[in-house]
Amino acid sequence: MFAIIGVGTFIGYKLDENYPNKHNLFTLFATLSSVIISIIYIIRRIIATSKEEQ
């Protein structure tokens, strides 16, 4: 989970360095997207684990 969020934030940060804007939107959107992706990943892992235990 931390790796997904870290990579997303890093990508957003680098995009903001290359394409500067007033509110660092690339970092904001990349971080938010990576948090959503990591939550979906965790939920899918929990569901898969619970199915294996039955």
N, C-alpha and C. Protein backbone atom coordinates (compact mmCIF):
# COMPACT_ATOMS: atom_id res chain seq x y z
N MET A 1 0.83 -1.18 0.00
CA MET A 1 0.00 0.00 0.00
C MET A 1 0.88 1.25 0.00
N PHE A 2 1.89 1.25 0.87
CA PHE A 2 2.76 2.43 0.93
C PHE A 2 3.56 2.60 -0.36
N ALA A 3 3.92 1.50 -0.98
CA ALA A 3 4.68 1.58 -2.23
C ALA A 3 3.84 2.19 -3.34
N ILE A 4 2.58 1.80 -3.42
CA ILE A 4 1.69 2.34 -4.46
C ILE A 4 1.52 3.84 -4.27
N ILE A 5 1.27 4.26 -3.04
CA ILE A 5 1.08 5.68 -2.76
C ILE A 5 2.37 6.45 -2.99
N GLY A 6 3.49 5.87 -2.59
CA GLY A 6 4.78 6.52 -2.78
C GLY A 6 5.12 6.72 -4.25
N VAL A 7 4.88 5.70 -5.05
CA VAL A 7 5.15 5.81 -6.49
C VAL A 7 4.24 6.84 -7.13
N GLY A 8 2.96 6.83 -6.77
CA GLY A 8 2.02 7.81 -7.32
C GLY A 8 2.40 9.23 -6.96
N THR A 9 2.80 9.44 -5.72
CA THR A 9 3.21 10.77 -5.29
C THR A 9 4.48 11.21 -5.99
N PHE A 10 5.41 10.29 -6.15
CA PHE A 10 6.66 10.62 -6.83
C PHE A 10 6.41 11.01 -8.29
N ILE A 11 5.55 10.26 -8.96
CA ILE A 11 5.22 10.59 -10.35
C ILE A 11 4.58 11.97 -10.44
N GLY A 12 3.63 12.25 -9.54
CA GLY A 12 2.99 13.56 -9.54
C GLY A 12 3.97 14.68 -9.26
N TYR A 13 4.89 14.44 -8.33
CA TYR A 13 5.90 15.45 -8.00
C TYR A 13 6.80 15.74 -9.20
N LYS A 14 7.23 14.67 -9.88
CA LYS A 14 8.09 14.87 -11.05
C LYS A 14 7.35 15.59 -12.18
N LEU A 15 6.06 15.27 -12.36
CA LEU A 15 5.28 15.97 -13.37
C LEU A 15 5.14 17.45 -13.03
N ASP A 16 4.96 17.77 -11.75
CA ASP A 16 4.88 19.17 -11.35
C ASP A 16 6.21 19.89 -11.53
N GLU A 17 7.31 19.18 -11.37
CA GLU A 17 8.62 19.79 -11.64
C GLU A 17 8.77 20.14 -13.11
N ASN A 18 8.33 19.24 -14.00
CA ASN A 18 8.49 19.44 -15.44
C ASN A 18 7.44 20.38 -16.01
N TYR A 19 6.23 20.36 -15.46
CA TYR A 19 5.13 21.20 -15.94
C TYR A 19 4.55 21.98 -14.77
N PRO A 20 5.24 23.04 -14.34
CA PRO A 20 4.80 23.74 -13.14
C PRO A 20 3.42 24.39 -13.31
N ASN A 21 2.67 24.40 -12.22
CA ASN A 21 1.39 25.08 -12.19
C ASN A 21 1.20 25.67 -10.79
N LYS A 22 0.15 26.42 -10.62
CA LYS A 22 -0.03 27.21 -9.40
C LYS A 22 -0.30 26.34 -8.17
N HIS A 23 -1.05 25.27 -8.31
CA HIS A 23 -1.52 24.51 -7.16
C HIS A 23 -0.97 23.09 -7.08
N ASN A 24 0.08 22.76 -7.82
CA ASN A 24 0.65 21.40 -7.81
C ASN A 24 -0.41 20.34 -8.07
N LEU A 25 -1.17 20.52 -9.12
CA LEU A 25 -2.29 19.64 -9.41
C LEU A 25 -1.88 18.23 -9.77
N PHE A 26 -0.75 18.07 -10.43
CA PHE A 26 -0.31 16.72 -10.79
C PHE A 26 -0.03 15.89 -9.54
N THR A 27 0.63 16.50 -8.56
CA THR A 27 0.89 15.79 -7.31
C THR A 27 -0.41 15.45 -6.61
N LEU A 28 -1.32 16.38 -6.57
CA LEU A 28 -2.61 16.17 -5.91
C LEU A 28 -3.38 15.02 -6.55
N PHE A 29 -3.54 15.07 -7.86
CA PHE A 29 -4.32 14.04 -8.55
C PHE A 29 -3.61 12.68 -8.54
N ALA A 30 -2.29 12.67 -8.70
CA ALA A 30 -1.56 11.41 -8.69
C ALA A 30 -1.61 10.76 -7.30
N THR A 31 -1.49 11.57 -6.26
CA THR A 31 -1.57 11.03 -4.91
C THR A 31 -2.97 10.50 -4.61
N LEU A 32 -3.99 11.26 -4.96
CA LEU A 32 -5.36 10.83 -4.74
C LEU A 32 -5.66 9.55 -5.52
N SER A 33 -5.22 9.49 -6.75
CA SER A 33 -5.44 8.29 -7.57
C SER A 33 -4.72 7.08 -6.99
N SER A 34 -3.51 7.28 -6.52
CA SER A 34 -2.77 6.15 -5.96
C SER A 34 -3.37 5.68 -4.64
N VAL A 35 -3.94 6.57 -3.85
CA VAL A 35 -4.62 6.16 -2.63
C VAL A 35 -5.86 5.33 -2.96
N ILE A 36 -6.62 5.76 -3.95
CA ILE A 36 -7.81 5.00 -4.38
C ILE A 36 -7.40 3.63 -4.91
N ILE A 37 -6.36 3.58 -5.72
CA ILE A 37 -5.88 2.31 -6.27
C ILE A 37 -5.42 1.39 -5.15
N SER A 38 -4.71 1.92 -4.16
CA SER A 38 -4.23 1.07 -3.07
C SER A 38 -5.39 0.57 -2.21
N ILE A 39 -6.42 1.36 -2.00
CA ILE A 39 -7.59 0.90 -1.25
C ILE A 39 -8.29 -0.23 -2.00
N ILE A 40 -8.46 -0.08 -3.31
CA ILE A 40 -9.06 -1.14 -4.12
C ILE A 40 -8.22 -2.40 -4.05
N TYR A 41 -6.90 -2.26 -4.12
CA TYR A 41 -6.00 -3.41 -4.04
C TYR A 41 -6.16 -4.14 -2.71
N ILE A 42 -6.20 -3.40 -1.62
CA ILE A 42 -6.34 -4.00 -0.29
C ILE A 42 -7.68 -4.72 -0.15
N ILE A 43 -8.74 -4.10 -0.62
CA ILE A 43 -10.07 -4.72 -0.55
C ILE A 43 -10.10 -6.02 -1.34
N ARG A 44 -9.52 -6.03 -2.53
CA ARG A 44 -9.49 -7.25 -3.33
C ARG A 44 -8.68 -8.34 -2.65
N ARG A 45 -7.56 -7.98 -2.01
CA ARG A 45 -6.75 -8.97 -1.29
C ARG A 45 -7.51 -9.55 -0.11
N ILE A 46 -8.26 -8.72 0.59
CA ILE A 46 -9.04 -9.20 1.74
C ILE A 46 -10.12 -10.16 1.26
N ILE A 47 -10.80 -9.83 0.19
CA ILE A 47 -11.85 -10.70 -0.35
C ILE A 47 -11.25 -12.02 -0.82
N ALA A 48 -10.12 -11.98 -1.51
CA ALA A 48 -9.48 -13.20 -1.99
C ALA A 48 -9.03 -14.07 -0.82
N THR A 49 -8.51 -13.48 0.21
CA THR A 49 -8.06 -14.22 1.38
C THR A 49 -9.24 -14.86 2.11
N SER A 50 -10.33 -14.14 2.22
CA SER A 50 -11.49 -14.70 2.92
C SER A 50 -12.12 -15.84 2.13
N LYS A 51 -12.06 -15.80 0.81
CA LYS A 51 -12.57 -16.90 -0.01
C LYS A 51 -11.70 -18.14 0.11
N GLU A 52 -10.38 -17.96 0.23
CA GLU A 52 -9.47 -19.09 0.36
C GLU A 52 -9.64 -19.81 1.69
N GLU A 53 -10.01 -19.11 2.73
CA GLU A 53 -10.14 -19.71 4.05
C GLU A 53 -11.39 -20.56 4.19
N GLN A 54 -12.37 -20.37 3.37
CA GLN A 54 -13.63 -21.11 3.49
C GLN A 54 -13.55 -22.50 2.96
